[in-house]
């Protein structure tokens, strides 16, 4: 019978101590992130869910209602109208941002001298706050002193200044233009990073096989960018569904409450009507919708490419 040496049969205590120290060190490294997530996401989420089950006034004692806020939400025509309007806005602004961002990323994905200047120019609007950019567009579109109306009058394209925010479709159109201008640079950078992560050897091999630019684009670049596309689209859809600042500043929900988004309606209920419990219930439903949409997009655009 063969005898197993003690050194092999039982791991040295020193190795066990070293592994324990590494585990403790790893835990300490991730502890700040865990605490931050608990304080800034998990606890507020649980608190919001608890508030949604109450009549929670801004001041005074909360009253437990159970699911009554959710029952009221099912009968809230303005909430469903605002959710439908938000969906329409998302379906319009997301493709506009994505297509333009992809085109810009293709333009700046070169090694030409000075191309970094153009990348910076396209990205500059991203660093402007959404509130500041909305105020900027309100001034540009002003019917008395706005530059856009003045330019259209000088070119003879209109006979009198346009009041941009008195019509729902016109107001939605100019808000989409302003949001695309503000956010397209961010999506461009995401797509550009994905493009530059693709090895040049793949393009060179395709060129040797006789593939033209369109074929390299559709058969190499786009399949390998599926995960980047998913990230850009998920962020864009989430940002669109959470739209509030631009509508609050530029339209105030008008005309006739036709441009009230889902978050705008949550804001009104929570801080205008002081129905914070009901606002919390609306927030939970919106969170569930966003989670479902994000999972759906990630499943559709999941990266099955192996190389």
Protein backbone atom coordinates (compact mmCIF):
# COMPACT_ATOMS: atom_id res chain seq x y z
CA UNK A 1 0.00 0.00 0.00
CA UNK A 2 1.41 3.36 -1.04
CA UNK A 3 1.69 6.04 1.61
CA UNK A 4 0.70 9.61 0.57
CA UNK A 5 3.18 12.19 1.84
CA UNK A 6 1.76 14.51 4.49
CA UNK A 7 2.72 17.59 2.46
CA UNK A 8 0.49 16.37 -0.38
CA UNK A 9 -2.34 14.94 1.65
CA UNK A 10 -2.90 18.14 3.62
CA UNK A 11 -2.42 21.65 2.12
CA UNK A 12 0.04 23.77 3.99
CA UNK A 13 -1.42 26.17 6.53
CA UNK A 14 0.49 29.00 4.91
CA UNK A 15 -1.38 28.55 1.62
CA UNK A 16 -4.70 28.48 3.46
CA UNK A 17 -3.80 31.68 5.31
CA UNK A 18 -2.75 33.35 2.05
CA UNK A 19 -6.04 32.42 0.38
CA UNK A 20 -7.97 33.76 3.34
CA UNK A 21 -6.06 37.04 3.21
CA UNK A 22 -6.73 37.35 -0.51
CA UNK A 23 -10.44 36.73 0.06
CA UNK A 24 -10.55 39.40 2.76
CA UNK A 25 -8.64 41.83 0.56
CA UNK A 26 -11.00 41.15 -2.36
CA UNK A 27 -14.03 41.69 -0.14
CA UNK A 28 -12.62 45.00 1.13
CA UNK A 29 -12.04 46.15 -2.46
CA UNK A 30 -15.65 45.49 -3.49
CA UNK A 31 -17.16 46.65 -0.18
CA UNK A 32 -17.40 50.36 -1.19
CA UNK A 33 -19.24 49.40 -4.39
CA UNK A 34 -21.57 47.10 -2.44
CA UNK A 35 -22.33 49.81 0.14
CA UNK A 36 -22.87 52.38 -2.59
CA UNK A 37 -25.29 50.06 -4.42
CA UNK A 38 -27.17 49.30 -1.20
CA UNK A 39 -27.42 52.98 -0.23
CA UNK A 40 -28.19 54.44 -3.66
CA UNK A 41 -30.24 51.69 -5.32
CA UNK A 42 -31.39 48.76 -3.18
CA UNK A 43 -32.60 50.76 -0.16
CA UNK A 44 -34.34 53.49 -2.25
CA UNK A 45 -35.97 50.76 -4.36
CA UNK A 46 -37.29 48.94 -1.29
CA UNK A 47 -38.43 52.26 0.20
CA UNK A 48 -40.24 53.16 -3.02
CA UNK A 49 -41.98 49.77 -3.08
CA UNK A 50 -43.05 50.27 0.56
CA UNK A 51 -44.31 53.80 -0.16
CA UNK A 52 -46.33 52.52 -3.12
CA UNK A 53 -48.50 50.54 -0.68
CA UNK A 54 -49.41 53.66 1.31
CA UNK A 55 -51.18 56.97 1.11
CA UNK A 56 -47.93 58.83 1.73
CA UNK A 57 -48.42 62.59 2.07
CA UNK A 58 -45.50 64.99 1.98
CA UNK A 59 -46.27 65.89 5.59
CA UNK A 60 -48.21 63.82 8.07
CA UNK A 61 -48.82 60.18 8.85
CA UNK A 62 -48.77 57.55 6.11
CA UNK A 63 -51.81 55.26 5.77
CA UNK A 64 -51.49 51.69 4.54
CA UNK A 65 -53.59 51.04 1.41
CA UNK A 66 -52.30 47.73 0.11
CA UNK A 67 -52.60 47.59 -3.68
CA UNK A 68 -55.10 50.46 -3.87
CA UNK A 69 -52.56 52.76 -5.60
CA UNK A 70 -52.06 50.14 -8.31
CA UNK A 71 -55.82 49.78 -8.75
CA UNK A 72 -56.08 53.55 -9.12
CA UNK A 73 -53.25 53.48 -11.66
CA UNK A 74 -55.18 51.01 -13.81
CA UNK A 75 -57.99 53.59 -14.06
CA UNK A 76 -55.68 56.58 -14.56
CA UNK A 77 -56.25 57.63 -18.18
CA UNK A 78 -53.59 60.35 -17.99
CA UNK A 79 -50.93 57.86 -16.92
CA UNK A 80 -51.66 55.54 -19.84
CA UNK A 81 -51.79 58.52 -22.20
CA UNK A 82 -48.43 59.73 -20.91
CA UNK A 83 -46.96 56.22 -21.21
CA UNK A 84 -48.20 55.95 -24.80
CA UNK A 85 -46.77 59.38 -25.64
CA UNK A 86 -43.44 58.36 -24.07
CA UNK A 87 -43.46 55.20 -26.18
CA UNK A 88 -44.12 57.23 -29.34
CA UNK A 89 -41.29 59.59 -28.45
CA UNK A 90 -38.94 56.64 -27.81
CA UNK A 91 -39.82 54.97 -31.10
CA UNK A 92 -39.02 58.18 -32.96
CA UNK A 93 -35.93 59.45 -31.16
CA UNK A 94 -34.07 56.15 -30.66
CA UNK A 95 -33.68 55.24 -34.37
CA UNK A 96 -32.73 58.85 -35.16
CA UNK A 97 -29.97 58.84 -32.53
CA UNK A 98 -28.73 55.36 -33.45
CA UNK A 99 -28.61 55.86 -37.24
CA UNK A 100 -26.90 59.25 -37.01
CA UNK A 101 -24.47 57.99 -34.35
CA UNK A 102 -23.53 55.01 -36.51
CA UNK A 103 -22.97 57.28 -39.54
CA UNK A 104 -20.78 59.65 -37.49
CA UNK A 105 -18.83 56.75 -36.00
CA UNK A 106 -18.08 55.48 -39.52
CA UNK A 107 -16.92 58.95 -40.55
CA UNK A 108 -14.51 59.39 -37.64
CA UNK A 109 -13.29 55.78 -37.61
CA UNK A 110 -10.22 56.64 -39.65
CA UNK A 111 -6.58 57.37 -39.00
CA UNK A 112 -6.60 60.69 -40.82
CA UNK A 113 -4.64 63.53 -39.32
CA UNK A 114 -6.82 65.87 -37.28
CA UNK A 115 -9.78 63.45 -37.08
CA UNK A 116 -9.75 63.87 -33.30
CA UNK A 117 -10.94 67.45 -33.75
CA UNK A 118 -14.12 66.24 -35.45
CA UNK A 119 -14.66 63.60 -32.78
CA UNK A 120 -14.44 66.34 -30.17
CA UNK A 121 -16.83 68.62 -32.07
CA UNK A 122 -19.45 65.87 -32.37
CA UNK A 123 -19.09 65.00 -28.69
CA UNK A 124 -19.18 68.55 -27.25
CA UNK A 125 -23.02 68.77 -26.91
CA UNK A 126 -22.93 65.70 -24.64
CA UNK A 127 -21.10 67.63 -21.90
CA UNK A 128 -23.83 70.29 -21.83
CA UNK A 129 -26.48 69.63 -19.19
CA UNK A 130 -29.88 68.60 -20.53
CA UNK A 131 -31.53 71.50 -18.72
CA UNK A 132 -29.07 74.00 -20.18
CA UNK A 133 -29.45 72.60 -23.69
CA UNK A 134 -33.25 72.73 -23.38
CA UNK A 135 -33.11 76.39 -22.37
CA UNK A 136 -30.76 77.03 -25.28
CA UNK A 137 -33.27 75.55 -27.73
CA UNK A 138 -36.13 77.51 -26.15
CA UNK A 139 -34.17 80.68 -26.93
CA UNK A 140 -33.25 79.52 -30.44
CA UNK A 141 -36.91 78.74 -31.22
CA UNK A 142 -38.39 81.88 -29.65
CA UNK A 143 -40.87 83.48 -32.04
CA UNK A 144 -39.60 87.01 -31.29
CA UNK A 145 -35.86 86.84 -30.78
CA UNK A 146 -35.03 83.27 -31.84
CA UNK A 147 -32.29 82.77 -34.40
CA UNK A 148 -34.11 79.94 -36.19
CA UNK A 149 -37.22 81.98 -36.96
CA UNK A 150 -35.03 84.90 -38.04
CA UNK A 151 -33.03 82.67 -40.38
CA UNK A 152 -36.16 81.15 -41.93
CA UNK A 153 -37.63 84.63 -42.46
CA UNK A 154 -34.42 85.89 -44.08
CA UNK A 155 -34.40 82.90 -46.45
CA UNK A 156 -38.02 83.52 -47.37
CA UNK A 157 -39.11 80.05 -46.24
CA UNK A 158 -41.79 81.42 -43.91
CA UNK A 159 -43.91 84.58 -43.95
CA UNK A 160 -44.25 85.03 -40.20
CA UNK A 161 -42.53 83.59 -37.12
CA UNK A 162 -43.53 80.08 -36.11
CA UNK A 163 -44.71 79.45 -32.55
CA UNK A 164 -43.16 76.02 -32.22
CA UNK A 165 -44.79 74.77 -29.03
CA UNK A 166 -48.50 75.36 -29.71
CA UNK A 167 -48.87 72.15 -31.71
CA UNK A 168 -48.12 68.70 -30.27
CA UNK A 169 -46.47 67.28 -33.39
CA UNK A 170 -44.41 70.41 -34.00
CA UNK A 171 -43.30 70.53 -30.37
CA UNK A 172 -42.41 66.82 -30.42
CA UNK A 173 -40.41 67.32 -33.61
CA UNK A 174 -38.25 70.14 -32.27
CA UNK A 175 -37.69 68.28 -28.98
CA UNK A 176 -36.50 65.22 -30.92
CA UNK A 177 -34.10 67.42 -32.91
CA UNK A 178 -32.75 68.99 -29.72
CA UNK A 179 -32.31 65.61 -27.98
CA UNK A 180 -30.59 64.05 -31.01
CA UNK A 181 -28.20 67.03 -31.16
CA UNK A 182 -27.52 66.69 -27.43
CA UNK A 183 -27.03 62.91 -27.14
CA UNK A 184 -25.85 61.57 -30.49
CA UNK A 185 -22.19 62.13 -29.58
CA UNK A 186 -22.41 59.69 -26.67
CA UNK A 187 -23.77 56.88 -28.84
CA UNK A 188 -21.16 57.74 -31.47
CA UNK A 189 -18.36 57.21 -28.93
CA UNK A 190 -19.81 53.85 -27.85
CA UNK A 191 -20.04 52.64 -31.45
CA UNK A 192 -16.61 54.03 -32.29
CA UNK A 193 -15.08 52.13 -29.38
CA UNK A 194 -16.70 48.94 -30.62
CA UNK A 195 -15.43 49.52 -34.17
CA UNK A 196 -11.89 50.10 -33.01
CA UNK A 197 -11.96 46.90 -30.94
CA UNK A 198 -12.40 44.79 -34.10
CA UNK A 199 -9.00 43.39 -35.20
CA UNK A 200 -7.69 44.84 -38.47
CA UNK A 201 -6.62 41.35 -39.54
CA UNK A 202 -10.26 40.44 -40.16
CA UNK A 203 -10.69 43.30 -42.63
CA UNK A 204 -7.37 42.52 -44.30
CA UNK A 205 -8.30 38.85 -44.74
CA UNK A 206 -11.66 39.87 -46.21
CA UNK A 207 -9.95 42.24 -48.65
CA UNK A 208 -7.64 39.43 -49.75
CA UNK A 209 -10.74 37.34 -50.46
CA UNK A 210 -12.11 40.19 -52.59
CA UNK A 211 -14.71 41.66 -50.20
CA UNK A 212 -15.65 45.26 -50.95
CA UNK A 213 -16.44 47.96 -48.34
CA UNK A 214 -20.15 47.15 -48.13
CA UNK A 215 -19.45 43.45 -47.66
CA UNK A 216 -16.87 44.15 -44.95
CA UNK A 217 -19.40 46.41 -43.26
CA UNK A 218 -22.31 43.97 -43.32
CA UNK A 219 -20.46 40.67 -42.82
CA UNK A 220 -17.67 41.67 -40.42
CA UNK A 221 -18.29 44.97 -38.65
CA UNK A 222 -22.01 44.80 -37.95
CA UNK A 223 -22.09 41.20 -36.65
CA UNK A 224 -19.18 41.92 -34.32
CA UNK A 225 -20.88 45.09 -33.07
CA UNK A 226 -24.02 43.32 -31.84
CA UNK A 227 -23.10 43.69 -28.17
CA UNK A 228 -22.20 47.36 -28.71
CA UNK A 229 -25.48 47.91 -30.56
CA UNK A 230 -27.33 46.34 -27.62
CA UNK A 231 -25.59 48.61 -25.11
CA UNK A 232 -26.24 51.77 -27.16
CA UNK A 233 -29.90 50.88 -27.77
CA UNK A 234 -30.62 49.90 -24.16
CA UNK A 235 -29.13 53.16 -22.86
CA UNK A 236 -31.02 55.17 -25.48
CA UNK A 237 -34.36 53.49 -24.77
CA UNK A 238 -33.97 53.87 -21.00
CA UNK A 239 -32.99 57.52 -21.39
CA UNK A 240 -35.97 58.17 -23.67
CA UNK A 241 -38.48 56.53 -21.33
CA UNK A 242 -37.07 58.57 -18.44
CA UNK A 243 -37.37 61.86 -20.34
CA UNK A 244 -38.46 64.74 -18.18
CA UNK A 245 -36.19 67.81 -18.30
CA UNK A 246 -36.70 68.75 -21.94
CA UNK A 247 -40.50 68.47 -21.75
CA UNK A 248 -40.71 70.28 -18.41
CA UNK A 249 -38.60 73.17 -19.71
CA UNK A 250 -39.67 73.39 -23.35
CA UNK A 251 -43.39 72.54 -23.35
CA UNK A 252 -44.53 72.35 -19.69
CA UNK A 253 -46.62 69.38 -20.82
CA UNK A 254 -48.56 71.47 -23.33
CA UNK A 255 -50.43 71.98 -25.44
CA UNK A 256 -53.36 70.64 -23.38
CA UNK A 257 -51.25 68.07 -21.51
CA UNK A 258 -50.40 66.28 -24.77
CA UNK A 259 -46.63 66.21 -24.17
CA UNK A 260 -46.63 64.87 -20.62
CA UNK A 261 -44.24 61.94 -20.34
CA UNK A 262 -44.49 59.10 -17.84
CA UNK A 263 -41.83 60.61 -15.56
CA UNK A 264 -43.48 64.03 -15.88
CA UNK A 265 -46.76 62.52 -14.64
CA UNK A 266 -44.94 60.82 -11.77
CA UNK A 267 -43.39 64.19 -10.88
CA UNK A 268 -46.78 65.92 -10.96
CA UNK A 269 -48.39 63.35 -8.68
CA UNK A 270 -45.48 63.27 -6.24
CA UNK A 271 -44.53 66.94 -5.95
CA UNK A 272 -47.48 68.93 -7.33
CA UNK A 273 -50.41 66.92 -6.00
CA UNK A 274 -48.36 65.56 -3.03
CA UNK A 275 -49.53 61.98 -3.71
CA UNK A 276 -46.13 60.45 -3.10
CA UNK A 277 -47.45 56.94 -2.51
CA UNK A 278 -49.23 56.99 -5.85
CA UNK A 279 -46.14 58.44 -7.52
CA UNK A 280 -44.09 55.60 -6.02
CA UNK A 281 -46.52 53.03 -7.47
CA UNK A 282 -46.18 54.62 -10.91
CA UNK A 283 -42.39 54.50 -10.53
CA UNK A 284 -42.44 50.78 -9.73
CA UNK A 285 -44.55 50.04 -12.81
CA UNK A 286 -42.24 52.13 -15.00
CA UNK A 287 -39.24 50.27 -13.56
CA UNK A 288 -40.83 46.92 -14.45
CA UNK A 289 -41.54 48.13 -18.00
CA UNK A 290 -37.95 49.34 -18.45
CA UNK A 291 -36.57 46.08 -17.07
CA UNK A 292 -38.70 44.03 -19.47
CA UNK A 293 -37.71 46.20 -22.45
CA UNK A 294 -34.01 45.98 -21.56
CA UNK A 295 -34.13 42.19 -21.22
CA UNK A 296 -35.98 41.92 -24.54
CA UNK A 297 -33.40 44.05 -26.35
CA UNK A 298 -30.48 42.18 -24.84
CA UNK A 299 -32.00 38.82 -25.83
CA UNK A 300 -32.63 39.99 -29.40
CA UNK A 301 -29.16 41.50 -29.80
CA UNK A 302 -27.18 39.01 -27.73
CA UNK A 303 -23.77 38.28 -29.17
CA UNK A 304 -23.67 34.70 -30.45
CA UNK A 305 -20.58 35.31 -32.57
CA UNK A 306 -17.56 33.17 -31.65
CA UNK A 307 -14.08 33.84 -32.95
